[in-house]
Amino acid sequence: MAPRGPAKDAQHLPTEAQRTFPELVRIAKMKAQTLGTRPATLRTSVTKPATDRAEISIKKILAPTDFSPPSRKALHYALRFAEEFGSEVILLHVLEPVMPLTFEGLTMPSPAAEIESSDAAKSLKALVASARARGIAGVRAIFRRGFASHEIVEAAKDLDVDLILIATHGYTGWKHFCIGSTAERVVRAAPCPVLVVREKEHDFL
């Protein structure tokens, strides 16, 4: 049998290409189908969208007040928080115990305590009216008798408040004294977060 010449080999090239090309097309289609089954988004975002974040819920704010300028500033913070979060604000005034007057071994009620109670009721009513005048309807006032730090903590527990807003210093009743220790005791024993407002500080409201 005579060997093939270059011309005859050239005649077989189209035939080999015709056999190979359909196979390549079939493989390409298979790869395309495999890639097409993959999901369109392959990467997931690490940062959660803003809608998935837990919202801050402050339903009740307790604002102790002795009607001093620092406590009024703390009340201003409480009212701004109420506007922002739709919170209820509960004003609290604590009537501290007064040393009773005695006469020949008899204990007599102190006139100052009665005056303070009446003045406190009027002052609380005025603060509530002022808060409602600026559009904050959920405001009410209470007063308790006892030691300030203890009564503030107990009121926070009884009322199930979410936040206490208190001033660092102030005065109470007819005896002017520093209540810095009161704020400290409240922070230590409170059942909820406490925001302590200083009289001279950088305001963020």
N, C-alpha and C. Protein backbone atom coordinates (compact mmCIF):
# COMPACT_ATOMS: atom_id res chain seq x y z
N MET A 1 0.87 -1.20 0.00
CA MET A 1 0.00 0.00 0.00
C MET A 1 0.88 1.22 0.00
N ALA A 2 0.56 2.14 -0.84
CA ALA A 2 1.42 3.32 -1.03
C ALA A 2 1.19 4.29 0.10
N PRO A 3 2.25 4.90 0.59
CA PRO A 3 2.10 5.88 1.70
C PRO A 3 1.34 7.10 1.22
N ARG A 4 0.66 7.72 2.20
CA ARG A 4 -0.13 8.91 1.90
C ARG A 4 0.80 10.07 1.68
N GLY A 5 0.42 10.83 0.75
CA GLY A 5 1.17 12.05 0.48
C GLY A 5 0.59 13.21 1.24
N PRO A 6 1.26 14.31 1.24
CA PRO A 6 0.76 15.50 1.93
C PRO A 6 -0.60 15.93 1.45
N ALA A 7 -0.91 15.75 0.20
CA ALA A 7 -2.20 16.18 -0.33
C ALA A 7 -3.33 15.38 0.28
N LYS A 8 -3.11 14.02 0.41
CA LYS A 8 -4.16 13.18 0.97
C LYS A 8 -4.38 13.48 2.45
N ASP A 9 -3.27 13.72 3.21
CA ASP A 9 -3.43 14.08 4.64
C ASP A 9 -4.23 15.36 4.79
N ALA A 10 -4.01 16.29 3.90
CA ALA A 10 -4.73 17.56 3.97
C ALA A 10 -6.22 17.35 3.75
N GLN A 11 -6.57 16.34 2.95
CA GLN A 11 -7.98 16.07 2.69
C GLN A 11 -8.70 15.59 3.94
N HIS A 12 -7.97 14.95 4.88
CA HIS A 12 -8.61 14.43 6.10
C HIS A 12 -8.75 15.48 7.20
N LEU A 13 -8.09 16.60 7.08
CA LEU A 13 -8.14 17.62 8.14
C LEU A 13 -9.55 18.15 8.37
N PRO A 14 -10.32 18.49 7.34
CA PRO A 14 -11.69 18.96 7.60
C PRO A 14 -12.52 17.93 8.32
N THR A 15 -12.31 16.66 7.97
CA THR A 15 -13.09 15.60 8.60
C THR A 15 -12.79 15.51 10.08
N GLU A 16 -11.52 15.60 10.48
CA GLU A 16 -11.13 15.54 11.89
C GLU A 16 -11.68 16.76 12.64
N ALA A 17 -11.65 17.92 12.03
CA ALA A 17 -12.18 19.12 12.66
C ALA A 17 -13.68 19.01 12.86
N GLN A 18 -14.34 18.39 11.84
CA GLN A 18 -15.79 18.23 11.97
C GLN A 18 -16.13 17.30 13.12
N ARG A 19 -15.26 16.33 13.39
CA ARG A 19 -15.52 15.42 14.50
C ARG A 19 -15.23 16.08 15.85
N THR A 20 -14.20 16.89 15.90
CA THR A 20 -13.77 17.49 17.18
C THR A 20 -14.65 18.67 17.57
N PHE A 21 -15.08 19.49 16.62
CA PHE A 21 -15.81 20.72 16.93
C PHE A 21 -17.14 20.45 17.67
N PRO A 22 -17.95 19.49 17.23
CA PRO A 22 -19.19 19.23 18.00
C PRO A 22 -18.93 18.82 19.43
N GLU A 23 -17.84 18.10 19.66
CA GLU A 23 -17.52 17.67 21.03
C GLU A 23 -17.18 18.88 21.90
N LEU A 24 -16.43 19.82 21.30
CA LEU A 24 -16.09 21.03 22.04
C LEU A 24 -17.34 21.86 22.35
N VAL A 25 -18.25 21.90 21.40
CA VAL A 25 -19.50 22.64 21.61
C VAL A 25 -20.31 22.00 22.72
N ARG A 26 -20.36 20.67 22.75
CA ARG A 26 -21.12 19.97 23.79
C ARG A 26 -20.55 20.24 25.17
N ILE A 27 -19.20 20.23 25.30
CA ILE A 27 -18.55 20.50 26.59
C ILE A 27 -18.81 21.93 27.04
N ALA A 28 -18.77 22.84 26.07
CA ALA A 28 -19.01 24.25 26.40
C ALA A 28 -20.44 24.45 26.90
N LYS A 29 -21.41 23.77 26.28
CA LYS A 29 -22.79 23.88 26.72
C LYS A 29 -22.98 23.32 28.12
N MET A 30 -22.29 22.22 28.42
CA MET A 30 -22.39 21.63 29.75
C MET A 30 -21.86 22.58 30.81
N LYS A 31 -20.74 23.22 30.50
CA LYS A 31 -20.17 24.18 31.45
C LYS A 31 -21.09 25.37 31.63
N ALA A 32 -21.70 25.81 30.54
CA ALA A 32 -22.60 26.96 30.64
C ALA A 32 -23.82 26.62 31.48
N GLN A 33 -24.35 25.39 31.32
CA GLN A 33 -25.50 24.97 32.12
C GLN A 33 -25.14 24.87 33.59
N THR A 34 -23.91 24.37 33.86
CA THR A 34 -23.47 24.25 35.26
C THR A 34 -23.34 25.62 35.90
N LEU A 35 -22.75 26.55 35.18
CA LEU A 35 -22.61 27.91 35.72
C LEU A 35 -23.95 28.58 35.87
N GLY A 36 -24.90 28.24 34.97
CA GLY A 36 -26.20 28.89 35.03
C GLY A 36 -27.02 28.48 36.23
N THR A 37 -26.72 27.33 36.82
CA THR A 37 -27.48 26.88 37.99
C THR A 37 -27.02 27.53 39.27
N ARG A 38 -25.89 28.22 39.24
CA ARG A 38 -25.41 28.87 40.46
C ARG A 38 -26.25 30.10 40.77
N PRO A 39 -26.41 30.44 42.06
CA PRO A 39 -27.20 31.62 42.41
C PRO A 39 -26.54 32.87 41.89
N ALA A 40 -27.37 33.87 41.61
CA ALA A 40 -26.86 35.12 41.03
C ALA A 40 -25.94 35.84 41.99
N THR A 41 -26.27 35.82 43.29
CA THR A 41 -25.45 36.51 44.29
C THR A 41 -24.64 35.47 45.04
N LEU A 42 -23.34 35.54 44.89
CA LEU A 42 -22.48 34.56 45.53
C LEU A 42 -21.93 35.06 46.86
N ARG A 43 -21.82 36.39 47.04
CA ARG A 43 -21.27 36.95 48.26
C ARG A 43 -22.38 37.49 49.15
N THR A 44 -22.25 37.27 50.42
CA THR A 44 -23.22 37.80 51.38
C THR A 44 -22.60 38.96 52.11
N SER A 45 -23.41 39.95 52.42
CA SER A 45 -22.91 41.14 53.09
C SER A 45 -22.67 40.85 54.56
N VAL A 46 -21.55 41.29 55.08
CA VAL A 46 -21.23 41.09 56.49
C VAL A 46 -22.03 42.06 57.35
N THR A 47 -22.22 43.27 56.88
CA THR A 47 -22.94 44.28 57.64
C THR A 47 -24.44 44.10 57.46
N LYS A 48 -25.16 44.01 58.59
CA LYS A 48 -26.61 43.84 58.53
C LYS A 48 -27.26 45.15 58.13
N PRO A 49 -28.35 45.08 57.40
CA PRO A 49 -29.05 46.33 57.05
C PRO A 49 -29.59 47.01 58.30
N ALA A 50 -29.83 48.29 58.17
CA ALA A 50 -30.26 49.09 59.32
C ALA A 50 -31.59 48.60 59.89
N THR A 51 -32.43 48.01 59.04
CA THR A 51 -33.74 47.56 59.51
C THR A 51 -33.64 46.36 60.43
N ASP A 52 -32.51 45.63 60.41
CA ASP A 52 -32.35 44.46 61.26
C ASP A 52 -31.84 44.82 62.65
N ARG A 53 -31.44 46.06 62.88
CA ARG A 53 -30.90 46.44 64.18
C ARG A 53 -32.02 46.59 65.20
N ALA A 54 -31.72 46.20 66.43
CA ALA A 54 -32.71 46.33 67.49
C ALA A 54 -32.91 47.79 67.84
N GLU A 55 -34.16 48.21 67.90
CA GLU A 55 -34.46 49.59 68.22
C GLU A 55 -34.38 49.82 69.72
N ILE A 56 -33.96 51.02 70.10
CA ILE A 56 -33.91 51.38 71.51
C ILE A 56 -35.32 51.70 71.98
N SER A 57 -35.73 51.07 73.04
CA SER A 57 -37.08 51.28 73.58
C SER A 57 -36.97 51.86 74.98
N ILE A 58 -37.38 53.11 75.14
CA ILE A 58 -37.41 53.77 76.44
C ILE A 58 -38.85 54.20 76.68
N LYS A 59 -39.59 53.38 77.39
CA LYS A 59 -41.02 53.65 77.58
C LYS A 59 -41.26 54.58 78.76
N LYS A 60 -40.49 54.42 79.83
CA LYS A 60 -40.70 55.22 81.03
C LYS A 60 -39.37 55.81 81.51
N ILE A 61 -39.41 57.11 81.81
CA ILE A 61 -38.23 57.80 82.33
C ILE A 61 -38.58 58.38 83.69
N LEU A 62 -37.76 58.10 84.67
CA LEU A 62 -37.95 58.66 86.01
C LEU A 62 -37.00 59.84 86.16
N ALA A 63 -37.57 61.00 86.50
CA ALA A 63 -36.78 62.22 86.63
C ALA A 63 -36.93 62.79 88.04
N PRO A 64 -36.06 62.39 88.96
CA PRO A 64 -36.12 62.97 90.31
C PRO A 64 -35.77 64.46 90.26
N THR A 65 -36.47 65.24 91.05
CA THR A 65 -36.23 66.67 91.06
C THR A 65 -36.38 67.23 92.46
N ASP A 66 -35.51 68.19 92.78
CA ASP A 66 -35.67 68.96 94.02
C ASP A 66 -35.87 70.44 93.68
N PHE A 67 -36.18 70.68 92.39
CA PHE A 67 -36.50 72.02 91.88
C PHE A 67 -35.28 72.94 91.84
N SER A 68 -34.09 72.40 91.95
CA SER A 68 -32.87 73.19 91.85
C SER A 68 -32.50 73.35 90.38
N PRO A 69 -31.65 74.32 90.02
CA PRO A 69 -31.23 74.48 88.62
C PRO A 69 -30.62 73.20 88.02
N PRO A 70 -29.75 72.47 88.75
CA PRO A 70 -29.23 71.23 88.15
C PRO A 70 -30.32 70.20 87.85
N SER A 71 -31.29 70.08 88.76
CA SER A 71 -32.35 69.10 88.51
C SER A 71 -33.26 69.54 87.37
N ARG A 72 -33.40 70.84 87.19
CA ARG A 72 -34.17 71.33 86.04
C ARG A 72 -33.45 71.02 84.73
N LYS A 73 -32.13 71.08 84.77
CA LYS A 73 -31.37 70.70 83.58
C LYS A 73 -31.54 69.22 83.27
N ALA A 74 -31.52 68.39 84.31
CA ALA A 74 -31.75 66.95 84.11
C ALA A 74 -33.14 66.70 83.54
N LEU A 75 -34.12 67.48 84.01
CA LEU A 75 -35.48 67.35 83.48
C LEU A 75 -35.53 67.73 82.00
N HIS A 76 -34.74 68.72 81.63
CA HIS A 76 -34.67 69.10 80.21
C HIS A 76 -34.20 67.91 79.36
N TYR A 77 -33.22 67.18 79.84
CA TYR A 77 -32.75 65.98 79.14
C TYR A 77 -33.87 64.94 79.07
N ALA A 78 -34.58 64.77 80.18
CA ALA A 78 -35.65 63.77 80.20
C ALA A 78 -36.73 64.10 79.18
N LEU A 79 -37.08 65.37 79.07
CA LEU A 79 -38.12 65.76 78.12
C LEU A 79 -37.66 65.60 76.67
N ARG A 80 -36.39 65.87 76.41
CA ARG A 80 -35.87 65.67 75.06
C ARG A 80 -35.86 64.19 74.70
N PHE A 81 -35.50 63.34 75.66
CA PHE A 81 -35.55 61.89 75.41
C PHE A 81 -36.99 61.47 75.15
N ALA A 82 -37.93 62.04 75.89
CA ALA A 82 -39.34 61.70 75.69
C ALA A 82 -39.80 62.08 74.30
N GLU A 83 -39.37 63.24 73.81
CA GLU A 83 -39.72 63.65 72.46
C GLU A 83 -39.13 62.72 71.41
N GLU A 84 -37.93 62.25 71.67
CA GLU A 84 -37.23 61.40 70.70
C GLU A 84 -37.78 59.99 70.66
N PHE A 85 -38.11 59.43 71.83
CA PHE A 85 -38.50 58.02 71.91
C PHE A 85 -39.98 57.82 72.26
N GLY A 86 -40.72 58.91 72.41
CA GLY A 86 -42.12 58.77 72.78
C GLY A 86 -42.31 58.21 74.18
N SER A 87 -41.44 58.59 75.10
CA SER A 87 -41.45 58.03 76.44
C SER A 87 -42.42 58.77 77.35
N GLU A 88 -42.81 58.10 78.41
CA GLU A 88 -43.54 58.74 79.50
C GLU A 88 -42.53 59.24 80.52
N VAL A 89 -42.72 60.45 81.00
CA VAL A 89 -41.81 61.04 82.00
C VAL A 89 -42.55 61.11 83.33
N ILE A 90 -41.90 60.57 84.35
CA ILE A 90 -42.47 60.59 85.70
C ILE A 90 -41.57 61.45 86.58
N LEU A 91 -42.08 62.58 86.99
CA LEU A 91 -41.34 63.46 87.90
C LEU A 91 -41.49 62.94 89.32
N LEU A 92 -40.40 62.95 90.05
CA LEU A 92 -40.42 62.45 91.43
C LEU A 92 -39.75 63.45 92.35
N HIS A 93 -40.47 63.82 93.38
CA HIS A 93 -39.88 64.64 94.44
C HIS A 93 -39.96 63.85 95.74
N VAL A 94 -38.84 63.77 96.43
CA VAL A 94 -38.78 63.03 97.69
C VAL A 94 -38.74 64.02 98.85
N LEU A 95 -39.68 63.85 99.75
CA LEU A 95 -39.71 64.68 100.96
C LEU A 95 -38.84 64.01 102.01
N GLU A 96 -37.69 64.59 102.24
CA GLU A 96 -36.76 64.02 103.21
C GLU A 96 -37.30 64.21 104.63
N PRO A 97 -36.98 63.29 105.54
CA PRO A 97 -37.45 63.43 106.93
C PRO A 97 -36.84 64.67 107.59
N VAL A 98 -37.65 65.35 108.35
CA VAL A 98 -37.22 66.56 109.06
C VAL A 98 -37.20 66.26 110.56
N MET A 99 -36.18 66.76 111.21
CA MET A 99 -36.08 66.56 112.65
C MET A 99 -37.28 67.21 113.34
N PRO A 100 -38.07 66.44 114.08
CA PRO A 100 -39.27 67.01 114.70
C PRO A 100 -38.94 67.92 115.87
N LEU A 101 -39.84 68.86 116.13
CA LEU A 101 -39.70 69.72 117.29
C LEU A 101 -40.26 69.01 118.52
N THR A 102 -39.60 69.16 119.63
CA THR A 102 -40.06 68.52 120.86
C THR A 102 -40.29 69.57 121.93
N PHE A 103 -41.26 69.30 122.78
CA PHE A 103 -41.56 70.20 123.89
C PHE A 103 -41.89 69.36 125.10
N GLU A 104 -40.96 69.39 126.07
CA GLU A 104 -41.12 68.62 127.30
C GLU A 104 -41.34 67.14 127.00
N GLY A 105 -40.48 66.62 126.07
CA GLY A 105 -40.52 65.20 125.77
C GLY A 105 -41.60 64.79 124.81
N LEU A 106 -42.44 65.72 124.35
CA LEU A 106 -43.51 65.41 123.41
C LEU A 106 -43.05 65.73 122.00
N THR A 107 -43.31 64.82 121.06
CA THR A 107 -42.97 65.04 119.67
C THR A 107 -44.08 65.80 118.99
N MET A 108 -43.68 66.87 118.29
CA MET A 108 -44.67 67.70 117.61
C MET A 108 -44.36 67.72 116.11
N PRO A 109 -45.37 67.72 115.27
CA PRO A 109 -45.13 67.77 113.82
C PRO A 109 -44.46 69.08 113.44
N SER A 110 -43.54 69.01 112.48
CA SER A 110 -42.81 70.18 112.05
C SER A 110 -43.63 70.99 111.07
N PRO A 111 -43.83 72.28 111.32
CA PRO A 111 -44.56 73.11 110.35
C PRO A 111 -43.82 73.19 109.01
N ALA A 112 -42.51 73.10 109.06
CA ALA A 112 -41.73 73.18 107.82
C ALA A 112 -42.05 72.02 106.89
N ALA A 113 -42.31 70.84 107.44
CA ALA A 113 -42.62 69.68 106.61
C ALA A 113 -43.92 69.88 105.86
N GLU A 114 -44.92 70.46 106.53
CA GLU A 114 -46.20 70.70 105.87
C GLU A 114 -46.05 71.76 104.78
N ILE A 115 -45.26 72.79 105.06
CA ILE A 115 -45.04 73.83 104.07
C ILE A 115 -44.31 73.26 102.85
N GLU A 116 -43.31 72.44 103.14
CA GLU A 116 -42.54 71.83 102.03
C GLU A 116 -43.42 70.94 101.18
N SER A 117 -44.31 70.17 101.81
CA SER A 117 -45.19 69.29 101.06
C SER A 117 -46.11 70.09 100.15
N SER A 118 -46.65 71.18 100.66
CA SER A 118 -47.53 72.01 99.85
C SER A 118 -46.78 72.68 98.71
N ASP A 119 -45.58 73.19 99.00
CA ASP A 119 -44.77 73.84 97.96
C ASP A 119 -44.35 72.84 96.90
N ALA A 120 -44.01 71.63 97.33
CA ALA A 120 -43.58 70.60 96.38
C ALA A 120 -44.71 70.24 95.42
N ALA A 121 -45.93 70.13 95.97
CA ALA A 121 -47.07 69.80 95.12
C ALA A 121 -47.30 70.88 94.06
N LYS A 122 -47.18 72.14 94.48
CA LYS A 122 -47.36 73.24 93.53
C LYS A 122 -46.26 73.25 92.47
N SER A 123 -45.02 73.03 92.91
CA SER A 123 -43.89 73.04 91.97
C SER A 123 -43.99 71.90 90.97
N LEU A 124 -44.39 70.72 91.45
CA LEU A 124 -44.55 69.58 90.55
C LEU A 124 -45.66 69.85 89.53
N LYS A 125 -46.74 70.43 89.99
CA LYS A 125 -47.85 70.75 89.08
C LYS A 125 -47.40 71.73 88.00
N ALA A 126 -46.57 72.71 88.39
CA ALA A 126 -46.09 73.69 87.42
C ALA A 126 -45.16 73.03 86.39
N LEU A 127 -44.31 72.12 86.83
CA LEU A 127 -43.40 71.43 85.91
C LEU A 127 -44.17 70.56 84.93
N VAL A 128 -45.20 69.88 85.41
CA VAL A 128 -46.02 69.04 84.53
C VAL A 128 -46.73 69.90 83.49
N ALA A 129 -47.27 71.04 83.92
CA ALA A 129 -47.96 71.94 82.99
C ALA A 129 -47.00 72.47 81.94
N SER A 130 -45.76 72.80 82.36
CA SER A 130 -44.76 73.31 81.43
C SER A 130 -44.38 72.26 80.39
N ALA A 131 -44.24 71.00 80.84
CA ALA A 131 -43.89 69.92 79.92
C ALA A 131 -45.00 69.66 78.92
N ARG A 132 -46.22 69.69 79.39
CA ARG A 132 -47.35 69.45 78.49
C ARG A 132 -47.53 70.60 77.50
N ALA A 133 -47.13 71.80 77.91
CA ALA A 133 -47.24 72.95 77.02
C ALA A 133 -46.32 72.82 75.81
N ARG A 134 -45.23 72.08 75.96
CA ARG A 134 -44.33 71.87 74.83
C ARG A 134 -44.65 70.61 74.04
N GLY A 135 -45.83 70.04 74.31
CA GLY A 135 -46.32 68.95 73.49
C GLY A 135 -46.05 67.56 74.01
N ILE A 136 -45.58 67.44 75.24
CA ILE A 136 -45.30 66.12 75.82
C ILE A 136 -46.46 65.76 76.74
N ALA A 137 -47.35 64.94 76.25
CA ALA A 137 -48.57 64.63 77.00
C ALA A 137 -48.32 63.62 78.11
N GLY A 138 -47.40 62.68 77.88
CA GLY A 138 -47.17 61.61 78.85
C GLY A 138 -46.27 62.04 79.99
N VAL A 139 -46.74 62.99 80.79
CA VAL A 139 -45.96 63.48 81.94
C VAL A 139 -46.85 63.44 83.17
N ARG A 140 -46.32 62.90 84.24
CA ARG A 140 -47.03 62.93 85.52
C ARG A 140 -46.03 63.08 86.65
N ALA A 141 -46.53 63.39 87.83
CA ALA A 141 -45.65 63.67 88.96
C ALA A 141 -46.11 62.89 90.19
N ILE A 142 -45.15 62.46 90.98
CA ILE A 142 -45.42 61.79 92.24
C ILE A 142 -44.44 62.31 93.28
N PHE A 143 -44.79 62.16 94.54
CA PHE A 143 -43.80 62.44 95.57
C PHE A 143 -43.89 61.39 96.66
N ARG A 144 -42.76 61.13 97.24
CA ARG A 144 -42.65 60.11 98.27
C ARG A 144 -41.94 60.70 99.47
N ARG A 145 -42.08 60.06 100.61
CA ARG A 145 -41.42 60.49 101.83
C ARG A 145 -40.36 59.46 102.21
N GLY A 146 -39.20 59.95 102.58
CA GLY A 146 -38.11 59.07 102.98
C GLY A 146 -36.77 59.64 102.56
N PHE A 147 -35.78 58.79 102.52
CA PHE A 147 -34.45 59.21 102.10
C PHE A 147 -34.37 59.15 100.57
N ALA A 148 -33.81 60.18 99.99
CA ALA A 148 -33.89 60.38 98.54
C ALA A 148 -33.41 59.17 97.75
N SER A 149 -32.19 58.72 98.01
CA SER A 149 -31.62 57.64 97.20
C SER A 149 -32.47 56.37 97.28
N HIS A 150 -32.91 56.05 98.49
CA HIS A 150 -33.72 54.84 98.67
C HIS A 150 -35.06 54.95 97.95
N GLU A 151 -35.71 56.09 98.08
CA GLU A 151 -37.03 56.26 97.47
C GLU A 151 -36.94 56.32 95.95
N ILE A 152 -35.87 56.89 95.42
CA ILE A 152 -35.70 56.93 93.96
C ILE A 152 -35.55 55.52 93.41
N VAL A 153 -34.73 54.72 94.05
CA VAL A 153 -34.52 53.34 93.60
C VAL A 153 -35.82 52.53 93.73
N GLU A 154 -36.52 52.69 94.84
CA GLU A 154 -37.76 51.95 95.04
C GLU A 154 -38.82 52.38 94.04
N ALA A 155 -38.88 53.68 93.74
CA ALA A 155 -39.84 54.15 92.75
C ALA A 155 -39.53 53.58 91.37
N ALA A 156 -38.25 53.50 91.04
CA ALA A 156 -37.85 52.92 89.75
C ALA A 156 -38.28 51.47 89.65
N LYS A 157 -38.19 50.74 90.76
CA LYS A 157 -38.62 49.34 90.76
C LYS A 157 -40.14 49.24 90.67
N ASP A 158 -40.84 50.04 91.47
CA ASP A 158 -42.31 49.95 91.49
C ASP A 158 -42.92 50.35 90.16
N LEU A 159 -42.33 51.35 89.52
CA LEU A 159 -42.89 51.87 88.27
C LEU A 159 -42.33 51.17 87.03
N ASP A 160 -41.33 50.30 87.23
CA ASP A 160 -40.71 49.56 86.13
C ASP A 160 -40.22 50.51 85.04
N VAL A 161 -39.40 51.48 85.44
CA VAL A 161 -38.91 52.48 84.48
C VAL A 161 -37.72 51.92 83.71
N ASP A 162 -37.46 52.51 82.57
CA ASP A 162 -36.36 52.06 81.71
C ASP A 162 -35.11 52.92 81.87
N LEU A 163 -35.28 54.12 82.42
CA LEU A 163 -34.14 55.04 82.54
C LEU A 163 -34.41 56.03 83.67
N ILE A 164 -33.34 56.32 84.43
CA ILE A 164 -33.40 57.36 85.46
C ILE A 164 -32.48 58.49 85.02
N LEU A 165 -33.02 59.71 85.04
CA LEU A 165 -32.23 60.89 84.71
C LEU A 165 -32.13 61.76 85.95
N ILE A 166 -30.92 61.92 86.46
CA ILE A 166 -30.75 62.59 87.73
C ILE A 166 -29.57 63.56 87.65
N ALA A 167 -29.67 64.65 88.40
CA ALA A 167 -28.58 65.64 88.45
C ALA A 167 -27.55 65.21 89.49
N THR A 168 -26.32 65.67 89.30
CA THR A 168 -25.27 65.30 90.25
C THR A 168 -25.42 66.03 91.57
N HIS A 169 -25.83 67.30 91.54
CA HIS A 169 -25.94 68.09 92.76
C HIS A 169 -27.22 68.91 92.73
N GLY A 170 -27.65 69.31 93.91
CA GLY A 170 -28.84 70.13 94.01
C GLY A 170 -29.11 70.47 95.45
N TYR A 171 -30.33 70.80 95.73
CA TYR A 171 -30.71 71.03 97.12
C TYR A 171 -32.12 70.54 97.33
N THR A 172 -32.45 70.31 98.56
CA THR A 172 -33.75 69.75 98.89
C THR A 172 -34.38 70.55 100.03
N GLY A 173 -35.62 70.95 99.79
CA GLY A 173 -36.41 71.54 100.85
C GLY A 173 -35.82 72.81 101.42
N TRP A 174 -36.06 73.04 102.70
CA TRP A 174 -35.60 74.26 103.35
C TRP A 174 -34.17 74.12 103.85
N LYS A 175 -33.59 72.92 103.76
CA LYS A 175 -32.19 72.72 104.11
C LYS A 175 -31.41 72.50 102.82
N HIS A 176 -30.50 73.42 102.49
CA HIS A 176 -29.71 73.31 101.27
C HIS A 176 -28.51 72.40 101.53
N PHE A 177 -28.38 71.38 100.74
CA PHE A 177 -27.23 70.52 100.91
C PHE A 177 -26.91 69.81 99.61
N CYS A 178 -25.71 69.34 99.49
CA CYS A 178 -25.25 68.66 98.28
C CYS A 178 -25.82 67.25 98.26
N ILE A 179 -26.37 66.84 97.12
CA ILE A 179 -26.90 65.48 97.01
C ILE A 179 -26.06 64.65 96.04
N GLY A 180 -24.78 64.98 95.94
CA GLY A 180 -23.91 64.18 95.09
C GLY A 180 -23.90 62.73 95.51
N SER A 181 -23.95 62.51 96.83
CA SER A 181 -23.96 61.14 97.32
C SER A 181 -25.26 60.43 96.94
N THR A 182 -26.34 61.19 96.82
CA THR A 182 -27.62 60.60 96.41
C THR A 182 -27.51 60.01 95.01
N ALA A 183 -26.97 60.79 94.08
CA ALA A 183 -26.80 60.30 92.72
C ALA A 183 -25.92 59.06 92.68
N GLU A 184 -24.87 59.07 93.49
CA GLU A 184 -23.96 57.92 93.51
C GLU A 184 -24.67 56.68 94.02
N ARG A 185 -25.45 56.82 95.08
CA ARG A 185 -26.17 55.66 95.62
C ARG A 185 -27.21 55.15 94.63
N VAL A 186 -27.85 56.06 93.91
CA VAL A 186 -28.84 55.64 92.92
C VAL A 186 -28.17 54.84 91.81
N VAL A 187 -27.02 55.30 91.35
CA VAL A 187 -26.29 54.59 90.30
C VAL A 187 -25.93 53.18 90.76
N ARG A 188 -25.54 53.05 92.02
CA ARG A 188 -25.12 51.74 92.54
C ARG A 188 -26.29 50.76 92.68
N ALA A 189 -27.45 51.27 93.05
CA ALA A 189 -28.56 50.37 93.40
C ALA A 189 -29.70 50.35 92.40
N ALA A 190 -29.66 51.18 91.38
CA ALA A 190 -30.79 51.29 90.45
C ALA A 190 -31.00 50.01 89.67
N PRO A 191 -32.26 49.67 89.38
CA PRO A 191 -32.56 48.46 88.60
C PRO A 191 -32.51 48.69 87.09
N CYS A 192 -32.12 49.91 86.67
CA CYS A 192 -32.11 50.24 85.25
C CYS A 192 -30.96 51.22 84.99
N PRO A 193 -30.67 51.54 83.73
CA PRO A 193 -29.61 52.51 83.43
C PRO A 193 -29.92 53.88 84.05
N VAL A 194 -28.84 54.57 84.43
CA VAL A 194 -28.96 55.90 85.03
C VAL A 194 -28.09 56.87 84.25
N LEU A 195 -28.69 57.99 83.83
CA LEU A 195 -27.95 59.05 83.17
C LEU A 195 -27.80 60.19 84.16
N VAL A 196 -26.55 60.47 84.54
CA VAL A 196 -26.27 61.53 85.51
C VAL A 196 -25.86 62.78 84.75
N VAL A 197 -26.58 63.87 84.99
CA VAL A 197 -26.35 65.12 84.27
C VAL A 197 -25.63 66.10 85.18
N ARG A 198 -24.50 66.59 84.72
CA ARG A 198 -23.75 67.59 85.47
C ARG A 198 -24.25 68.97 85.13
N GLU A 199 -24.10 69.88 86.08
CA GLU A 199 -24.59 71.24 85.85
C GLU A 199 -23.74 71.95 84.80
N LYS A 200 -22.43 71.80 84.85
CA LYS A 200 -21.53 72.45 83.91
C LYS A 200 -20.82 71.37 83.11
N GLU A 201 -21.32 71.11 81.96
CA GLU A 201 -20.74 70.10 81.10
C GLU A 201 -21.08 70.42 79.66
N HIS A 202 -20.46 69.68 78.75
CA HIS A 202 -20.77 69.83 77.33
C HIS A 202 -22.10 69.13 77.05
N ASP A 203 -23.10 69.91 76.66
CA ASP A 203 -24.42 69.36 76.37
C ASP A 203 -24.43 68.71 74.99
N PHE A 204 -25.18 67.62 74.85
CA PHE A 204 -25.33 67.00 73.53
C PHE A 204 -26.76 67.11 73.03
N LEU A 205 -27.57 67.90 73.72
CA LEU A 205 -28.94 68.13 73.26
C LEU A 205 -29.07 69.52 72.67
